Amino acid sequence: MITQDEVRQKLIRKMQEGQQQYIAKQIGVPKQILSNFKTGKRELWESSLQALNDYLDSH
């Protein structure tokens, strides 16, 4: 099972300036939620976490 922190670290490593909004749209979550997840202010629902992990693994 993947953890919130593992996916958060993947996101930080792969994200470049301006990509956050694109990634949020691709996985179907608001940009602000993704931003708050990236900074550790919130956790994602399991379905969003899995979608983000799958996206990051494939790109």
PDB file of N, CA and C in Angstrom:
ATOM      1  N   MET A   1       0.841  -1.191   0.000  1.00  0.00           N
ATOM      2  CA  MET A   1       0.000   0.000   0.000  1.00  0.00           C
ATOM      3  C   MET A   1       0.883   1.250   0.000  1.00  0.00           C
ATOM      4  N   ILE A   2       0.514   2.192  -0.829  1.00  0.00           N
ATOM      5  CA  ILE A   2       1.271   3.440  -0.881  1.00  0.00           C
ATOM      6  C   ILE A   2       0.878   4.344   0.277  1.00  0.00           C
ATOM      7  N   THR A   3       1.806   5.189   0.670  1.00  0.00           N
ATOM      8  CA  THR A   3       1.510   6.112   1.766  1.00  0.00           C
ATOM      9  C   THR A   3       1.372   7.530   1.232  1.00  0.00           C
ATOM     10  N   GLN A   4       0.726   8.366   2.001  1.00  0.00           N
ATOM     11  CA  GLN A   4       0.560   9.767   1.652  1.00  0.00           C
ATOM     12  C   GLN A   4       1.933  10.407   1.419  1.00  0.00           C
ATOM     13  N   ASP A   5       2.865  10.131   2.317  1.00  0.00           N
ATOM     14  CA  ASP A   5       4.178  10.768   2.233  1.00  0.00           C
ATOM     15  C   ASP A   5       4.958  10.313   1.001  1.00  0.00           C
ATOM     16  N   GLU A   6       4.852   9.048   0.627  1.00  0.00           N
ATOM     17  CA  GLU A   6       5.549   8.565  -0.566  1.00  0.00           C
ATOM     18  C   GLU A   6       5.073   9.294  -1.814  1.00  0.00           C
ATOM     19  N   VAL A   7       3.761   9.447  -1.949  1.00  0.00           N
ATOM     20  CA  VAL A   7       3.220  10.119  -3.127  1.00  0.00           C
ATOM     21  C   VAL A   7       3.540  11.613  -3.079  1.00  0.00           C
ATOM     22  N   ARG A   8       3.501  12.204  -1.878  1.00  0.00           N
ATOM     23  CA  ARG A   8       3.854  13.624  -1.737  1.00  0.00           C
ATOM     24  C   ARG A   8       5.292  13.856  -2.209  1.00  0.00           C
ATOM     25  N   GLN A   9       6.211  12.995  -1.832  1.00  0.00           N
ATOM     26  CA  GLN A   9       7.607  13.151  -2.242  1.00  0.00           C
ATOM     27  C   GLN A   9       7.769  12.981  -3.745  1.00  0.00           C
ATOM     28  N   LYS A  10       7.042  12.052  -4.354  1.00  0.00           N
ATOM     29  CA  LYS A  10       7.066  11.899  -5.812  1.00  0.00           C
ATOM     30  C   LYS A  10       6.604  13.179  -6.488  1.00  0.00           C
ATOM     31  N   LEU A  11       5.525  13.747  -5.968  1.00  0.00           N
ATOM     32  CA  LEU A  11       4.972  14.972  -6.539  1.00  0.00           C
ATOM     33  C   LEU A  11       5.993  16.098  -6.469  1.00  0.00           C
ATOM     34  N   ILE A  12       6.625  16.274  -5.341  1.00  0.00           N
ATOM     35  CA  ILE A  12       7.613  17.341  -5.170  1.00  0.00           C
ATOM     36  C   ILE A  12       8.778  17.149  -6.129  1.00  0.00           C
ATOM     37  N   ARG A  13       9.254  15.920  -6.291  1.00  0.00           N
ATOM     38  CA  ARG A  13      10.378  15.651  -7.181  1.00  0.00           C
ATOM     39  C   ARG A  13      10.036  15.905  -8.646  1.00  0.00           C
ATOM     40  N   LYS A  14       8.828  15.551  -9.051  1.00  0.00           N
ATOM     41  CA  LYS A  14       8.480  15.626 -10.467  1.00  0.00           C
ATOM     42  C   LYS A  14       7.862  16.952 -10.899  1.00  0.00           C
ATOM     43  N   MET A  15       7.371  17.720  -9.951  1.00  0.00           N
ATOM     44  CA  MET A  15       6.656  18.930 -10.307  1.00  0.00           C
ATOM     45  C   MET A  15       7.608  20.071 -10.669  1.00  0.00           C
ATOM     46  N   GLN A  16       7.314  20.687 -11.788  1.00  0.00           N
ATOM     47  CA  GLN A  16       8.042  21.880 -12.207  1.00  0.00           C
ATOM     48  C   GLN A  16       7.061  23.036 -12.162  1.00  0.00           C
ATOM     49  N   GLU A  17       7.585  24.219 -12.220  1.00  0.00           N
ATOM     50  CA  GLU A  17       6.742  25.422 -12.170  1.00  0.00           C
ATOM     51  C   GLU A  17       5.665  25.360 -13.245  1.00  0.00           C
ATOM     52  N   GLY A  18       4.425  25.594 -12.866  1.00  0.00           N
ATOM     53  CA  GLY A  18       3.328  25.620 -13.813  1.00  0.00           C
ATOM     54  C   GLY A  18       2.665  24.279 -14.057  1.00  0.00           C
ATOM     55  N   GLN A  19       3.252  23.191 -13.606  1.00  0.00           N
ATOM     56  CA  GLN A  19       2.665  21.882 -13.849  1.00  0.00           C
ATOM     57  C   GLN A  19       1.594  21.509 -12.840  1.00  0.00           C
ATOM     58  N   GLN A  20       1.571  22.155 -11.723  1.00  0.00           N
ATOM     59  CA  GLN A  20       0.636  21.774 -10.663  1.00  0.00           C
ATOM     60  C   GLN A  20      -0.807  21.842 -11.144  1.00  0.00           C
ATOM     61  N   GLN A  21      -1.167  22.904 -11.837  1.00  0.00           N
ATOM     62  CA  GLN A  21      -2.534  23.044 -12.327  1.00  0.00           C
ATOM     63  C   GLN A  21      -2.846  21.956 -13.355  1.00  0.00           C
ATOM     64  N   TYR A  22      -1.893  21.645 -14.225  1.00  0.00           N
ATOM     65  CA  TYR A  22      -2.076  20.609 -15.231  1.00  0.00           C
ATOM     66  C   TYR A  22      -2.282  19.244 -14.570  1.00  0.00           C
ATOM     67  N   ILE A  23      -1.431  18.915 -13.610  1.00  0.00           N
ATOM     68  CA  ILE A  23      -1.539  17.627 -12.923  1.00  0.00           C
ATOM     69  C   ILE A  23      -2.869  17.532 -12.188  1.00  0.00           C
ATOM     70  N   ALA A  24      -3.257  18.591 -11.515  1.00  0.00           N
ATOM     71  CA  ALA A  24      -4.531  18.598 -10.784  1.00  0.00           C
ATOM     72  C   ALA A  24      -5.688  18.304 -11.739  1.00  0.00           C
ATOM     73  N   LYS A  25      -5.664  18.932 -12.901  1.00  0.00           N
ATOM     74  CA  LYS A  25      -6.720  18.708 -13.890  1.00  0.00           C
ATOM     75  C   LYS A  25      -6.701  17.265 -14.385  1.00  0.00           C
ATOM     76  N   GLN A  26      -5.530  16.725 -14.618  1.00  0.00           N
ATOM     77  CA  GLN A  26      -5.409  15.359 -15.125  1.00  0.00           C
ATOM     78  C   GLN A  26      -5.959  14.317 -14.153  1.00  0.00           C
ATOM     79  N   ILE A  27      -5.799  14.558 -12.865  1.00  0.00           N
ATOM     80  CA  ILE A  27      -6.262  13.566 -11.883  1.00  0.00           C
ATOM     81  C   ILE A  27      -7.633  13.927 -11.289  1.00  0.00           C
ATOM     82  N   GLY A  28      -8.166  15.087 -11.663  1.00  0.00           N
ATOM     83  CA  GLY A  28      -9.513  15.456 -11.250  1.00  0.00           C
ATOM     84  C   GLY A  28      -9.657  16.002  -9.851  1.00  0.00           C
ATOM     85  N   VAL A  29      -8.641  16.742  -9.383  1.00  0.00           N
ATOM     86  CA  VAL A  29      -8.751  17.406  -8.080  1.00  0.00           C
ATOM     87  C   VAL A  29      -8.457  18.892  -8.249  1.00  0.00           C
ATOM     88  N   PRO A  30      -9.036  19.739  -7.416  1.00  0.00           N
ATOM     89  CA  PRO A  30      -8.739  21.164  -7.493  1.00  0.00           C
ATOM     90  C   PRO A  30      -7.252  21.442  -7.218  1.00  0.00           C
ATOM     91  N   LYS A  31      -6.721  22.453  -7.887  1.00  0.00           N
ATOM     92  CA  LYS A  31      -5.314  22.816  -7.736  1.00  0.00           C
ATOM     93  C   LYS A  31      -4.956  23.120  -6.281  1.00  0.00           C
ATOM     94  N   GLN A  32      -5.853  23.776  -5.560  1.00  0.00           N
ATOM     95  CA  GLN A  32      -5.573  24.136  -4.169  1.00  0.00           C
ATOM     96  C   GLN A  32      -5.414  22.893  -3.292  1.00  0.00           C
ATOM     97  N   ILE A  33      -6.212  21.870  -3.556  1.00  0.00           N
ATOM     98  CA  ILE A  33      -6.085  20.628  -2.789  1.00  0.00           C
ATOM     99  C   ILE A  33      -4.730  19.996  -3.048  1.00  0.00           C
ATOM    100  N   LEU A  34      -4.310  19.970  -4.326  1.00  0.00           N
ATOM    101  CA  LEU A  34      -3.010  19.414  -4.663  1.00  0.00           C
ATOM    102  C   LEU A  34      -1.891  20.231  -4.020  1.00  0.00           C
ATOM    103  N   SER A  35      -2.035  21.538  -4.023  1.00  0.00           N
ATOM    104  CA  SER A  35      -1.050  22.411  -3.392  1.00  0.00           C
ATOM    105  C   SER A  35      -0.956  22.137  -1.891  1.00  0.00           C
ATOM    106  N   ASN A  36      -2.094  22.010  -1.240  1.00  0.00           N
ATOM    107  CA  ASN A  36      -2.109  21.726   0.199  1.00  0.00           C
ATOM    108  C   ASN A  36      -1.535  20.345   0.493  1.00  0.00           C
ATOM    109  N   PHE A  37      -1.774  19.387  -0.377  1.00  0.00           N
ATOM    110  CA  PHE A  37      -1.185  18.056  -0.215  1.00  0.00           C
ATOM    111  C   PHE A  37       0.328  18.142  -0.345  1.00  0.00           C
ATOM    112  N   LYS A  38       0.789  18.875  -1.349  1.00  0.00           N
ATOM    113  CA  LYS A  38       2.233  19.011  -1.597  1.00  0.00           C
ATOM    114  C   LYS A  38       2.957  19.588  -0.385  1.00  0.00           C
ATOM    115  N   THR A  39       2.331  20.538   0.277  1.00  0.00           N
ATOM    116  CA  THR A  39       2.971  21.185   1.428  1.00  0.00           C
ATOM    117  C   THR A  39       2.690  20.460   2.743  1.00  0.00           C
ATOM    118  N   GLY A  40       1.935  19.377   2.690  1.00  0.00           N
ATOM    119  CA  GLY A  40       1.656  18.599   3.892  1.00  0.00           C
ATOM    120  C   GLY A  40       0.530  19.136   4.743  1.00  0.00           C
ATOM    121  N   LYS A  41      -0.259  20.081   4.222  1.00  0.00           N
ATOM    122  CA  LYS A  41      -1.357  20.662   4.988  1.00  0.00           C
ATOM    123  C   LYS A  41      -2.606  19.802   4.982  1.00  0.00           C
ATOM    124  N   ARG A  42      -2.668  18.833   4.053  1.00  0.00           N
ATOM    125  CA  ARG A  42      -3.829  17.953   4.006  1.00  0.00           C
ATOM    126  C   ARG A  42      -3.435  16.633   3.379  1.00  0.00           C
ATOM    127  N   GLU A  43      -4.286  15.660   3.550  1.00  0.00           N
ATOM    128  CA  GLU A  43      -4.103  14.362   2.906  1.00  0.00           C
ATOM    129  C   GLU A  43      -5.163  14.215   1.835  1.00  0.00           C
ATOM    130  N   LEU A  44      -4.882  13.345   0.868  1.00  0.00           N
ATOM    131  CA  LEU A  44      -5.828  13.090  -0.210  1.00  0.00           C
ATOM    132  C   LEU A  44      -6.706  11.898   0.129  1.00  0.00           C
ATOM    133  N   TRP A  45      -7.890  11.874  -0.460  1.00  0.00           N
ATOM    134  CA  TRP A  45      -8.718  10.683  -0.362  1.00  0.00           C
ATOM    135  C   TRP A  45      -7.985   9.569  -1.074  1.00  0.00           C
ATOM    136  N   GLU A  46      -8.259   8.350  -0.704  1.00  0.00           N
ATOM    137  CA  GLU A  46      -7.568   7.191  -1.267  1.00  0.00           C
ATOM    138  C   GLU A  46      -7.638   7.165  -2.794  1.00  0.00           C
ATOM    139  N   SER A  47      -8.800   7.470  -3.364  1.00  0.00           N
ATOM    140  CA  SER A  47      -8.945   7.443  -4.829  1.00  0.00           C
ATOM    141  C   SER A  47      -8.078   8.510  -5.488  1.00  0.00           C
ATOM    142  N   SER A  48      -8.008   9.687  -4.897  1.00  0.00           N
ATOM    143  CA  SER A  48      -7.170  10.760  -5.443  1.00  0.00           C
ATOM    144  C   SER A  48      -5.692  10.432  -5.264  1.00  0.00           C
ATOM    145  N   LEU A  49      -5.355   9.846  -4.137  1.00  0.00           N
ATOM    146  CA  LEU A  49      -3.977   9.450  -3.880  1.00  0.00           C
ATOM    147  C   LEU A  49      -3.521   8.426  -4.915  1.00  0.00           C
ATOM    148  N   GLN A  50      -4.368   7.451  -5.190  1.00  0.00           N
ATOM    149  CA  GLN A  50      -4.030   6.423  -6.171  1.00  0.00           C
ATOM    150  C   GLN A  50      -3.921   7.026  -7.572  1.00  0.00           C
ATOM    151  N   ALA A  51      -4.835   7.928  -7.927  1.00  0.00           N
ATOM    152  CA  ALA A  51      -4.803   8.578  -9.236  1.00  0.00           C
ATOM    153  C   ALA A  51      -3.512   9.390  -9.398  1.00  0.00           C
ATOM    154  N   LEU A  52      -3.122  10.105  -8.366  1.00  0.00           N
ATOM    155  CA  LEU A  52      -1.895  10.895  -8.417  1.00  0.00           C
ATOM    156  C   LEU A  52      -0.681   9.990  -8.512  1.00  0.00           C
ATOM    157  N   ASN A  53      -0.653   8.949  -7.743  1.00  0.00           N
ATOM    158  CA  ASN A  53       0.470   8.009  -7.794  1.00  0.00           C
ATOM    159  C   ASN A  53       0.588   7.385  -9.177  1.00  0.00           C
ATOM    160  N   ASP A  54      -0.531   6.959  -9.747  1.00  0.00           N
ATOM    161  CA  ASP A  54      -0.508   6.376 -11.090  1.00  0.00           C
ATOM    162  C   ASP A  54      -0.014   7.384 -12.120  1.00  0.00           C
ATOM    163  N   TYR A  55      -0.490   8.622 -12.005  1.00  0.00           N
ATOM    164  CA  TYR A  55      -0.052   9.680 -12.934  1.00  0.00           C
ATOM    165  C   TYR A  55       1.454   9.901 -12.820  1.00  0.00           C
ATOM    166  N   LEU A  56       1.949  10.037 -11.605  1.00  0.00           N
ATOM    167  CA  LEU A  56       3.368  10.317 -11.402  1.00  0.00           C
ATOM    168  C   LEU A  56       4.247   9.149 -11.872  1.00  0.00           C
ATOM    169  N   ASP A  57       3.782   7.943 -11.699  1.00  0.00           N
ATOM    170  CA  ASP A  57       4.541   6.767 -12.149  1.00  0.00           C
ATOM    171  C   ASP A  57       4.597   6.673 -13.669  1.00  0.00           C
ATOM    172  N   SER A  58       3.570   7.178 -14.333  1.00  0.00           N
ATOM    173  CA  SER A  58       3.514   7.044 -15.792  1.00  0.00           C
ATOM    174  C   SER A  58       4.122   8.237 -16.535  1.00  0.00           C
ATOM    175  N   HIS A  59       4.488   9.273 -15.828  1.00  0.00           N
ATOM    176  CA  HIS A  59       5.044  10.463 -16.512  1.00  0.00           C
ATOM    177  C   HIS A  59       6.429  10.774 -16.004  1.00  0.00           C
TER     178      HIS A  59
END
